[in-house]
mmCIF file of all heavy atoms, coordinates in Angstrom:
data_MODEL
# 
_entry.id   MODEL 
# 
loop_
_atom_site.group_PDB 
_atom_site.id 
_atom_site.type_symbol 
_atom_site.label_atom_id 
_atom_site.label_alt_id 
_atom_site.label_comp_id 
_atom_site.label_asym_id 
_atom_site.label_entity_id 
_atom_site.label_seq_id 
_atom_site.pdbx_PDB_ins_code 
_atom_site.Cartn_x 
_atom_site.Cartn_y 
_atom_site.Cartn_z 
_atom_site.occupancy 
_atom_site.B_iso_or_equiv 
_atom_site.pdbx_formal_charge 
_atom_site.auth_seq_id 
_atom_site.auth_comp_id 
_atom_site.auth_asym_id 
_atom_site.auth_atom_id 
_atom_site.pdbx_PDB_model_num 
ATOM 1   N N   . GLN A 1 1  ? -8.045  -14.667 3.358  1.00 0.00 ? 1  GLN A N   1 
ATOM 2   C CA  . GLN A 1 1  ? -8.390  -14.292 1.992  1.00 0.00 ? 1  GLN A CA  1 
ATOM 3   C C   . GLN A 1 1  ? -7.127  -14.057 1.156  1.00 0.00 ? 1  GLN A C   1 
ATOM 4   O O   . GLN A 1 1  ? -7.050  -14.499 0.006  1.00 0.00 ? 1  GLN A O   1 
ATOM 5   C CB  . GLN A 1 1  ? -9.266  -13.036 1.970  1.00 0.00 ? 1  GLN A CB  1 
ATOM 6   C CG  . GLN A 1 1  ? -9.722  -12.655 0.578  1.00 0.00 ? 1  GLN A CG  1 
ATOM 7   C CD  . GLN A 1 1  ? -10.785 -11.578 0.573  1.00 0.00 ? 1  GLN A CD  1 
ATOM 8   O OE1 . GLN A 1 1  ? -10.489 -10.411 0.335  1.00 0.00 ? 1  GLN A OE1 1 
ATOM 9   N NE2 . GLN A 1 1  ? -12.037 -11.963 0.819  1.00 0.00 ? 1  GLN A NE2 1 
ATOM 10  N N   . VAL A 1 2  ? -6.139  -13.392 1.754  1.00 0.00 ? 2  VAL A N   1 
ATOM 11  C CA  . VAL A 1 2  ? -4.876  -13.177 1.051  1.00 0.00 ? 2  VAL A CA  1 
ATOM 12  C C   . VAL A 1 2  ? -4.237  -14.516 0.688  1.00 0.00 ? 2  VAL A C   1 
ATOM 13  O O   . VAL A 1 2  ? -3.782  -14.725 -0.447 1.00 0.00 ? 2  VAL A O   1 
ATOM 14  C CB  . VAL A 1 2  ? -3.912  -12.337 1.912  1.00 0.00 ? 2  VAL A CB  1 
ATOM 15  C CG1 . VAL A 1 2  ? -2.516  -12.308 1.285  1.00 0.00 ? 2  VAL A CG1 1 
ATOM 16  C CG2 . VAL A 1 2  ? -4.440  -10.922 2.084  1.00 0.00 ? 2  VAL A CG2 1 
ATOM 17  N N   . GLU A 1 3  ? -4.229  -15.433 1.648  1.00 0.00 ? 3  GLU A N   1 
ATOM 18  C CA  . GLU A 1 3  ? -3.620  -16.748 1.414  1.00 0.00 ? 3  GLU A CA  1 
ATOM 19  C C   . GLU A 1 3  ? -4.272  -17.473 0.241  1.00 0.00 ? 3  GLU A C   1 
ATOM 20  O O   . GLU A 1 3  ? -3.598  -18.012 -0.644 1.00 0.00 ? 3  GLU A O   1 
ATOM 21  C CB  . GLU A 1 3  ? -3.746  -17.602 2.676  1.00 0.00 ? 3  GLU A CB  1 
ATOM 22  C CG  . GLU A 1 3  ? -3.250  -19.029 2.511  1.00 0.00 ? 3  GLU A CG  1 
ATOM 23  C CD  . GLU A 1 3  ? -3.576  -19.926 3.691  1.00 0.00 ? 3  GLU A CD  1 
ATOM 24  O OE1 . GLU A 1 3  ? -3.981  -19.408 4.759  1.00 0.00 ? 3  GLU A OE1 1 
ATOM 25  O OE2 . GLU A 1 3  ? -3.439  -21.163 3.542  1.00 0.00 ? 3  GLU A OE2 1 
ATOM 26  N N   . PHE A 1 4  ? -5.601  -17.466 0.193  1.00 0.00 ? 4  PHE A N   1 
ATOM 27  C CA  . PHE A 1 4  ? -6.290  -18.220 -0.852 1.00 0.00 ? 4  PHE A CA  1 
ATOM 28  C C   . PHE A 1 4  ? -6.265  -17.495 -2.193 1.00 0.00 ? 4  PHE A C   1 
ATOM 29  O O   . PHE A 1 4  ? -6.291  -18.140 -3.247 1.00 0.00 ? 4  PHE A O   1 
ATOM 30  C CB  . PHE A 1 4  ? -7.719  -18.543 -0.417 1.00 0.00 ? 4  PHE A CB  1 
ATOM 31  C CG  . PHE A 1 4  ? -7.794  -19.778 0.451  1.00 0.00 ? 4  PHE A CG  1 
ATOM 32  C CD1 . PHE A 1 4  ? -7.516  -19.715 1.803  1.00 0.00 ? 4  PHE A CD1 1 
ATOM 33  C CD2 . PHE A 1 4  ? -8.114  -21.013 -0.096 1.00 0.00 ? 4  PHE A CD2 1 
ATOM 34  C CE1 . PHE A 1 4  ? -7.578  -20.845 2.607  1.00 0.00 ? 4  PHE A CE1 1 
ATOM 35  C CE2 . PHE A 1 4  ? -8.164  -22.155 0.689  1.00 0.00 ? 4  PHE A CE2 1 
ATOM 36  C CZ  . PHE A 1 4  ? -7.898  -22.075 2.043  1.00 0.00 ? 4  PHE A CZ  1 
ATOM 37  N N   . LEU A 1 5  ? -6.194  -16.175 -2.189 1.00 0.00 ? 5  LEU A N   1 
ATOM 38  C CA  . LEU A 1 5  ? -5.998  -15.463 -3.448 1.00 0.00 ? 5  LEU A CA  1 
ATOM 39  C C   . LEU A 1 5  ? -4.646  -15.820 -4.044 1.00 0.00 ? 5  LEU A C   1 
ATOM 40  O O   . LEU A 1 5  ? -4.511  -16.035 -5.257 1.00 0.00 ? 5  LEU A O   1 
ATOM 41  C CB  . LEU A 1 5  ? -6.100  -13.953 -3.221 1.00 0.00 ? 5  LEU A CB  1 
ATOM 42  C CG  . LEU A 1 5  ? -7.503  -13.382 -3.011 1.00 0.00 ? 5  LEU A CG  1 
ATOM 43  C CD1 . LEU A 1 5  ? -7.416  -11.919 -2.583 1.00 0.00 ? 5  LEU A CD1 1 
ATOM 44  C CD2 . LEU A 1 5  ? -8.353  -13.519 -4.278 1.00 0.00 ? 5  LEU A CD2 1 
ATOM 45  N N   . GLU A 1 6  ? -3.632  -15.889 -3.180 1.00 0.00 ? 6  GLU A N   1 
ATOM 46  C CA  . GLU A 1 6  ? -2.294  -16.254 -3.658 1.00 0.00 ? 6  GLU A CA  1 
ATOM 47  C C   . GLU A 1 6  ? -2.256  -17.699 -4.132 1.00 0.00 ? 6  GLU A C   1 
ATOM 48  O O   . GLU A 1 6  ? -1.590  -18.028 -5.116 1.00 0.00 ? 6  GLU A O   1 
ATOM 49  C CB  . GLU A 1 6  ? -1.271  -15.995 -2.557 1.00 0.00 ? 6  GLU A CB  1 
ATOM 50  C CG  . GLU A 1 6  ? -1.060  -14.497 -2.288 1.00 0.00 ? 6  GLU A CG  1 
ATOM 51  C CD  . GLU A 1 6  ? -0.071  -14.223 -1.182 1.00 0.00 ? 6  GLU A CD  1 
ATOM 52  O OE1 . GLU A 1 6  ? 0.108   -15.111 -0.304 1.00 0.00 ? 6  GLU A OE1 1 
ATOM 53  O OE2 . GLU A 1 6  ? 0.525   -13.128 -1.176 1.00 0.00 ? 6  GLU A OE2 1 
ATOM 54  N N   . ARG A 1 7  ? -2.981  -18.587 -3.445 1.00 0.00 ? 7  ARG A N   1 
ATOM 55  C CA  . ARG A 1 7  ? -3.063  -19.974 -3.897 1.00 0.00 ? 7  ARG A CA  1 
ATOM 56  C C   . ARG A 1 7  ? -3.685  -20.059 -5.290 1.00 0.00 ? 7  ARG A C   1 
ATOM 57  O O   . ARG A 1 7  ? -3.355  -20.939 -6.088 1.00 0.00 ? 7  ARG A O   1 
ATOM 58  C CB  . ARG A 1 7  ? -3.926  -20.804 -2.936 1.00 0.00 ? 7  ARG A CB  1 
ATOM 59  C CG  . ARG A 1 7  ? -3.278  -21.175 -1.624 1.00 0.00 ? 7  ARG A CG  1 
ATOM 60  C CD  . ARG A 1 7  ? -4.142  -22.220 -0.945 1.00 0.00 ? 7  ARG A CD  1 
ATOM 61  N NE  . ARG A 1 7  ? -3.817  -22.381 0.467  1.00 0.00 ? 7  ARG A NE  1 
ATOM 62  C CZ  . ARG A 1 7  ? -4.387  -23.277 1.265  1.00 0.00 ? 7  ARG A CZ  1 
ATOM 63  N NH1 . ARG A 1 7  ? -5.328  -24.076 0.776  1.00 0.00 ? 7  ARG A NH1 1 
ATOM 64  N NH2 . ARG A 1 7  ? -4.044  -23.375 2.537  1.00 0.00 ? 7  ARG A NH2 1 
ATOM 65  N N   . ALA A 1 8  ? -4.598  -19.125 -5.575 1.00 0.00 ? 8  ALA A N   1 
ATOM 66  C CA  . ALA A 1 8  ? -5.273  -19.113 -6.872 1.00 0.00 ? 8  ALA A CA  1 
ATOM 67  C C   . ALA A 1 8  ? -4.445  -18.434 -7.950 1.00 0.00 ? 8  ALA A C   1 
ATOM 68  O O   . ALA A 1 8  ? -4.897  -18.294 -9.087 1.00 0.00 ? 8  ALA A O   1 
ATOM 69  C CB  . ALA A 1 8  ? -6.628  -18.419 -6.742 1.00 0.00 ? 8  ALA A CB  1 
ATOM 70  N N   . GLY A 1 9  ? -3.237  -17.997 -7.608 1.00 0.00 ? 9  GLY A N   1 
ATOM 71  C CA  . GLY A 1 9  ? -2.335  -17.452 -8.607 1.00 0.00 ? 9  GLY A CA  1 
ATOM 72  C C   . GLY A 1 9  ? -2.279  -15.941 -8.680 1.00 0.00 ? 9  GLY A C   1 
ATOM 73  O O   . GLY A 1 9  ? -1.717  -15.391 -9.627 1.00 0.00 ? 9  GLY A O   1 
ATOM 74  N N   . VAL A 1 10 ? -2.855  -15.245 -7.703 1.00 0.00 ? 10 VAL A N   1 
ATOM 75  C CA  . VAL A 1 10 ? -2.817  -13.790 -7.686 1.00 0.00 ? 10 VAL A CA  1 
ATOM 76  C C   . VAL A 1 10 ? -1.649  -13.319 -6.829 1.00 0.00 ? 10 VAL A C   1 
ATOM 77  O O   . VAL A 1 10 ? -1.429  -13.838 -5.729 1.00 0.00 ? 10 VAL A O   1 
ATOM 78  C CB  . VAL A 1 10 ? -4.137  -13.216 -7.125 1.00 0.00 ? 10 VAL A CB  1 
ATOM 79  C CG1 . VAL A 1 10 ? -4.095  -11.693 -7.076 1.00 0.00 ? 10 VAL A CG1 1 
ATOM 80  C CG2 . VAL A 1 10 ? -5.324  -13.688 -7.948 1.00 0.00 ? 10 VAL A CG2 1 
ATOM 81  N N   . ASP A 1 11 ? -0.904  -12.343 -7.315 1.00 0.00 ? 11 ASP A N   1 
ATOM 82  C CA  . ASP A 1 11 ? 0.138   -11.707 -6.500 1.00 0.00 ? 11 ASP A CA  1 
ATOM 83  C C   . ASP A 1 11 ? -0.530  -10.623 -5.650 1.00 0.00 ? 11 ASP A C   1 
ATOM 84  O O   . ASP A 1 11 ? -1.106  -9.679  -6.192 1.00 0.00 ? 11 ASP A O   1 
ATOM 85  C CB  . ASP A 1 11 ? 1.215   -11.065 -7.389 1.00 0.00 ? 11 ASP A CB  1 
ATOM 86  C CG  . ASP A 1 11 ? 2.228   -12.073 -7.883 1.00 0.00 ? 11 ASP A CG  1 
ATOM 87  O OD1 . ASP A 1 11 ? 2.402   -13.116 -7.220 1.00 0.00 ? 11 ASP A OD1 1 
ATOM 88  O OD2 . ASP A 1 11 ? 2.831   -11.837 -8.939 1.00 0.00 ? 11 ASP A OD2 1 
ATOM 89  N N   . VAL A 1 12 ? -0.463  -10.761 -4.329 1.00 0.00 ? 12 VAL A N   1 
ATOM 90  C CA  . VAL A 1 12 ? -1.092  -9.802  -3.429 1.00 0.00 ? 12 VAL A CA  1 
ATOM 91  C C   . VAL A 1 12 ? -0.021  -9.125  -2.587 1.00 0.00 ? 12 VAL A C   1 
ATOM 92  O O   . VAL A 1 12 ? 0.721   -9.791  -1.853 1.00 0.00 ? 12 VAL A O   1 
ATOM 93  C CB  . VAL A 1 12 ? -2.126  -10.477 -2.506 1.00 0.00 ? 12 VAL A CB  1 
ATOM 94  C CG1 . VAL A 1 12 ? -2.829  -9.424  -1.640 1.00 0.00 ? 12 VAL A CG1 1 
ATOM 95  C CG2 . VAL A 1 12 ? -3.149  -11.265 -3.316 1.00 0.00 ? 12 VAL A CG2 1 
ATOM 96  N N   . ASP A 1 13 ? 0.074   -7.818  -2.722 1.00 0.00 ? 13 ASP A N   1 
ATOM 97  C CA  . ASP A 1 13 ? 0.989   -7.019  -1.900 1.00 0.00 ? 13 ASP A CA  1 
ATOM 98  C C   . ASP A 1 13 ? 0.137   -6.286  -0.867 1.00 0.00 ? 13 ASP A C   1 
ATOM 99  O O   . ASP A 1 13 ? -0.649  -5.407  -1.209 1.00 0.00 ? 13 ASP A O   1 
ATOM 100 C CB  . ASP A 1 13 ? 1.749   -6.025  -2.776 1.00 0.00 ? 13 ASP A CB  1 
ATOM 101 C CG  . ASP A 1 13 ? 2.759   -5.202  -1.976 1.00 0.00 ? 13 ASP A CG  1 
ATOM 102 O OD1 . ASP A 1 13 ? 3.065   -5.584  -0.820 1.00 0.00 ? 13 ASP A OD1 1 
ATOM 103 O OD2 . ASP A 1 13 ? 3.228   -4.174  -2.505 1.00 0.00 ? 13 ASP A OD2 1 
ATOM 104 N N   . VAL A 1 14 ? 0.273   -6.679  0.405  1.00 0.00 ? 14 VAL A N   1 
ATOM 105 C CA  . VAL A 1 14 ? -0.553  -6.110  1.464  1.00 0.00 ? 14 VAL A CA  1 
ATOM 106 C C   . VAL A 1 14 ? 0.132   -4.892  2.070  1.00 0.00 ? 14 VAL A C   1 
ATOM 107 O O   . VAL A 1 14 ? 1.265   -4.979  2.553  1.00 0.00 ? 14 VAL A O   1 
ATOM 108 C CB  . VAL A 1 14 ? -0.835  -7.144  2.570  1.00 0.00 ? 14 VAL A CB  1 
ATOM 109 C CG1 . VAL A 1 14 ? -1.656  -6.501  3.700  1.00 0.00 ? 14 VAL A CG1 1 
ATOM 110 C CG2 . VAL A 1 14 ? -1.575  -8.347  2.005  1.00 0.00 ? 14 VAL A CG2 1 
ATOM 111 N N   . PHE A 1 15 ? -0.549  -3.765  2.029  1.00 0.00 ? 15 PHE A N   1 
ATOM 112 C CA  . PHE A 1 15 ? -0.103  -2.568  2.735  1.00 0.00 ? 15 PHE A CA  1 
ATOM 113 C C   . PHE A 1 15 ? -1.076  -2.346  3.881  1.00 0.00 ? 15 PHE A C   1 
ATOM 114 O O   . PHE A 1 15 ? -2.266  -2.096  3.662  1.00 0.00 ? 15 PHE A O   1 
ATOM 115 C CB  . PHE A 1 15 ? -0.096  -1.345  1.815  1.00 0.00 ? 15 PHE A CB  1 
ATOM 116 C CG  . PHE A 1 15 ? 0.295   -0.075  2.529  1.00 0.00 ? 15 PHE A CG  1 
ATOM 117 C CD1 . PHE A 1 15 ? 1.633   0.275   2.670  1.00 0.00 ? 15 PHE A CD1 1 
ATOM 118 C CD2 . PHE A 1 15 ? -0.664  0.759   3.084  1.00 0.00 ? 15 PHE A CD2 1 
ATOM 119 C CE1 . PHE A 1 15 ? 2.006   1.436   3.335  1.00 0.00 ? 15 PHE A CE1 1 
ATOM 120 C CE2 . PHE A 1 15 ? -0.301  1.921   3.752  1.00 0.00 ? 15 PHE A CE2 1 
ATOM 121 C CZ  . PHE A 1 15 ? 1.031   2.261   3.885  1.00 0.00 ? 15 PHE A CZ  1 
ATOM 122 N N   . HIS A 1 16 ? -0.566  -2.466  5.106  1.00 0.00 ? 16 HIS A N   1 
ATOM 123 C CA  . HIS A 1 16 ? -1.457  -2.303  6.253  1.00 0.00 ? 16 HIS A CA  1 
ATOM 124 C C   . HIS A 1 16 ? -0.975  -1.168  7.146  1.00 0.00 ? 16 HIS A C   1 
ATOM 125 O O   . HIS A 1 16 ? 0.211   -0.827  7.191  1.00 0.00 ? 16 HIS A O   1 
ATOM 126 C CB  . HIS A 1 16 ? -1.576  -3.611  7.048  1.00 0.00 ? 16 HIS A CB  1 
ATOM 127 C CG  . HIS A 1 16 ? -0.289  -4.091  7.659  1.00 0.00 ? 16 HIS A CG  1 
ATOM 128 N ND1 . HIS A 1 16 ? 0.083   -3.779  8.950  1.00 0.00 ? 16 HIS A ND1 1 
ATOM 129 C CD2 . HIS A 1 16 ? 0.691   -4.878  7.159  1.00 0.00 ? 16 HIS A CD2 1 
ATOM 130 C CE1 . HIS A 1 16 ? 1.243   -4.353  9.218  1.00 0.00 ? 16 HIS A CE1 1 
ATOM 131 N NE2 . HIS A 1 16 ? 1.635   -5.022  8.145  1.00 0.00 ? 16 HIS A NE2 1 
ATOM 132 N N   . PHE A 1 17 ? -1.922  -0.572  7.812  1.00 0.00 ? 17 PHE A N   1 
ATOM 133 C CA  . PHE A 1 17 ? -1.635  0.544   8.701  1.00 0.00 ? 17 PHE A CA  1 
ATOM 134 C C   . PHE A 1 17 ? -2.663  0.518   9.820  1.00 0.00 ? 17 PHE A C   1 
ATOM 135 O O   . PHE A 1 17 ? -3.650  -0.223  9.774  1.00 0.00 ? 17 PHE A O   1 
ATOM 136 C CB  . PHE A 1 17 ? -1.712  1.877   7.944  1.00 0.00 ? 17 PHE A CB  1 
ATOM 137 C CG  . PHE A 1 17 ? -3.107  2.240   7.487  1.00 0.00 ? 17 PHE A CG  1 
ATOM 138 C CD1 . PHE A 1 17 ? -3.855  3.192   8.160  1.00 0.00 ? 17 PHE A CD1 1 
ATOM 139 C CD2 . PHE A 1 17 ? -3.674  1.616   6.374  1.00 0.00 ? 17 PHE A CD2 1 
ATOM 140 C CE1 . PHE A 1 17 ? -5.132  3.518   7.751  1.00 0.00 ? 17 PHE A CE1 1 
ATOM 141 C CE2 . PHE A 1 17 ? -4.956  1.946   5.957  1.00 0.00 ? 17 PHE A CE2 1 
ATOM 142 C CZ  . PHE A 1 17 ? -5.690  2.895   6.645  1.00 0.00 ? 17 PHE A CZ  1 
ATOM 143 N N   . LYS A 1 18 ? -2.440  1.298   10.838 1.00 0.00 ? 18 LYS A N   1 
ATOM 144 C CA  . LYS A 1 18 ? -3.378  1.397   11.954 1.00 0.00 ? 18 LYS A CA  1 
ATOM 145 C C   . LYS A 1 18 ? -3.924  2.811   12.000 1.00 0.00 ? 18 LYS A C   1 
ATOM 146 O O   . LYS A 1 18 ? -3.225  3.754   12.373 1.00 0.00 ? 18 LYS A O   1 
ATOM 147 C CB  . LYS A 1 18 ? -2.682  1.047   13.278 1.00 0.00 ? 18 LYS A CB  1 
ATOM 148 C CG  . LYS A 1 18 ? -3.658  0.931   14.451 1.00 0.00 ? 18 LYS A CG  1 
ATOM 149 C CD  . LYS A 1 18 ? -4.605  -0.234  14.259 1.00 0.00 ? 18 LYS A CD  1 
ATOM 150 C CE  . LYS A 1 18 ? -5.541  -0.387  15.458 1.00 0.00 ? 18 LYS A CE  1 
ATOM 151 N NZ  . LYS A 1 18 ? -6.551  -1.426  15.227 1.00 0.00 ? 18 LYS A NZ  1 
ATOM 152 N N   . GLY A 1 19 ? -5.177  2.948   11.608 1.00 0.00 ? 19 GLY A N   1 
ATOM 153 C CA  . GLY A 1 19 ? -5.787  4.266   11.616 1.00 0.00 ? 19 GLY A CA  1 
ATOM 154 C C   . GLY A 1 19 ? -6.038  4.790   13.020 1.00 0.00 ? 19 GLY A C   1 
ATOM 155 O O   . GLY A 1 19 ? -5.810  5.967   13.301 1.00 0.00 ? 19 GLY A O   1 
ATOM 156 N N   . ALA A 1 20 ? -6.518  3.902   13.907 1.00 0.00 ? 20 ALA A N   1 
ATOM 157 C CA  . ALA A 1 20 ? -6.772  4.255   15.304 1.00 0.00 ? 20 ALA A CA  1 
ATOM 158 C C   . ALA A 1 20 ? -7.619  5.518   15.450 1.00 0.00 ? 20 ALA A C   1 
ATOM 159 O O   . ALA A 1 20 ? -7.462  6.275   16.400 1.00 0.00 ? 20 ALA A O   1 
ATOM 160 C CB  . ALA A 1 20 ? -5.460  4.399   16.080 1.00 0.00 ? 20 ALA A CB  1 
ATOM 161 N N   . LYS A 1 21 ? -8.493  5.741   14.472 1.00 0.00 ? 21 LYS A N   1 
ATOM 162 C CA  . LYS A 1 21 ? -9.437  6.870   14.516 1.00 0.00 ? 21 LYS A CA  1 
ATOM 163 C C   . LYS A 1 21 ? -8.734  8.231   14.539 1.00 0.00 ? 21 LYS A C   1 
ATOM 164 O O   . LYS A 1 21 ? -9.276  9.210   15.051 1.00 0.00 ? 21 LYS A O   1 
ATOM 165 C CB  . LYS A 1 21 ? -10.364 6.735   15.731 1.00 0.00 ? 21 LYS A CB  1 
ATOM 166 C CG  . LYS A 1 21 ? -11.094 5.404   15.804 1.00 0.00 ? 21 LYS A CG  1 
ATOM 167 C CD  . LYS A 1 21 ? -11.856 5.263   17.109 1.00 0.00 ? 21 LYS A CD  1 
ATOM 168 C CE  . LYS A 1 21 ? -12.455 3.880   17.239 1.00 0.00 ? 21 LYS A CE  1 
ATOM 169 N NZ  . LYS A 1 21 ? -13.114 3.681   18.550 1.00 0.00 ? 21 LYS A NZ  1 
ATOM 170 N N   . ARG A 1 22 ? -7.531  8.292   13.979 1.00 0.00 ? 22 ARG A N   1 
ATOM 171 C CA  . ARG A 1 22 ? -6.768  9.543   13.969 1.00 0.00 ? 22 ARG A CA  1 
ATOM 172 C C   . ARG A 1 22 ? -6.444  9.949   12.541 1.00 0.00 ? 22 ARG A C   1 
ATOM 173 O O   . ARG A 1 22 ? -5.845  9.170   11.781 1.00 0.00 ? 22 ARG A O   1 
ATOM 174 C CB  . ARG A 1 22 ? -5.471  9.396   14.772 1.00 0.00 ? 22 ARG A CB  1 
ATOM 175 C CG  . ARG A 1 22 ? -5.694  9.156   16.259 1.00 0.00 ? 22 ARG A CG  1 
ATOM 176 C CD  . ARG A 1 22 ? -4.370  8.996   16.963 1.00 0.00 ? 22 ARG A CD  1 
ATOM 177 N NE  . ARG A 1 22 ? -4.556  8.741   18.387 1.00 0.00 ? 22 ARG A NE  1 
ATOM 178 C CZ  . ARG A 1 22 ? -3.560  8.494   19.245 1.00 0.00 ? 22 ARG A CZ  1 
ATOM 179 N NH1 . ARG A 1 22 ? -2.302  8.467   18.785 1.00 0.00 ? 22 ARG A NH1 1 
ATOM 180 N NH2 . ARG A 1 22 ? -3.816  8.269   20.517 1.00 0.00 ? 22 ARG A NH2 1 
ATOM 181 N N   . LEU A 1 23 ? -6.820  11.178  12.174 1.00 0.00 ? 23 LEU A N   1 
ATOM 182 C CA  . LEU A 1 23 ? -6.543  11.680  10.833 1.00 0.00 ? 23 LEU A CA  1 
ATOM 183 C C   . LEU A 1 23 ? -5.052  11.691  10.546 1.00 0.00 ? 23 LEU A C   1 
ATOM 184 O O   . LEU A 1 23 ? -4.616  11.392  9.422  1.00 0.00 ? 23 LEU A O   1 
ATOM 185 C CB  . LEU A 1 23 ? -7.123  13.092  10.683 1.00 0.00 ? 23 LEU A CB  1 
ATOM 186 C CG  . LEU A 1 23 ? -6.873  13.792  9.346  1.00 0.00 ? 23 LEU A CG  1 
ATOM 187 C CD1 . LEU A 1 23 ? -7.474  12.999  8.195  1.00 0.00 ? 23 LEU A CD1 1 
ATOM 188 C CD2 . LEU A 1 23 ? -7.425  15.215  9.377  1.00 0.00 ? 23 LEU A CD2 1 
ATOM 189 N N   . SER A 1 24 ? -4.233  12.018  11.546 1.00 0.00 ? 24 SER A N   1 
ATOM 190 C CA  . SER A 1 24 ? -2.782  12.077  11.341 1.00 0.00 ? 24 SER A CA  1 
ATOM 191 C C   . SER A 1 24 ? -2.225  10.718  10.926 1.00 0.00 ? 24 SER A C   1 
ATOM 192 O O   . SER A 1 24 ? -1.286  10.647  10.120 1.00 0.00 ? 24 SER A O   1 
ATOM 193 C CB  . SER A 1 24 ? -2.081  12.566  12.610 1.00 0.00 ? 24 SER A CB  1 
ATOM 194 O OG  . SER A 1 24 ? -2.355  11.717  13.702 1.00 0.00 ? 24 SER A OG  1 
ATOM 195 N N   . ASN A 1 25 ? -2.787  9.641   11.460 1.00 0.00 ? 25 ASN A N   1 
ATOM 196 C CA  . ASN A 1 25 ? -2.328  8.300   11.083 1.00 0.00 ? 25 ASN A CA  1 
ATOM 197 C C   . ASN A 1 25 ? -2.629  8.013   9.611  1.00 0.00 ? 25 ASN A C   1 
ATOM 198 O O   . ASN A 1 25 ? -1.834  7.364   8.916  1.00 0.00 ? 25 ASN A O   1 
ATOM 199 C CB  . ASN A 1 25 ? -2.983  7.244   11.965 1.00 0.00 ? 25 ASN A CB  1 
ATOM 200 C CG  . ASN A 1 25 ? -2.443  7.241   13.375 1.00 0.00 ? 25 ASN A CG  1 
ATOM 201 O OD1 . ASN A 1 25 ? -1.441  7.890   13.669 1.00 0.00 ? 25 ASN A OD1 1 
ATOM 202 N ND2 . ASN A 1 25 ? -3.101  6.519   14.269 1.00 0.00 ? 25 ASN A ND2 1 
# 
């Protein structure tokens, strides 16, 4: 989805994290 949004001319900055079911994360 990110790839095709960018192909359509949208700048996408992905911020990813791993929650792992932990509030501290």
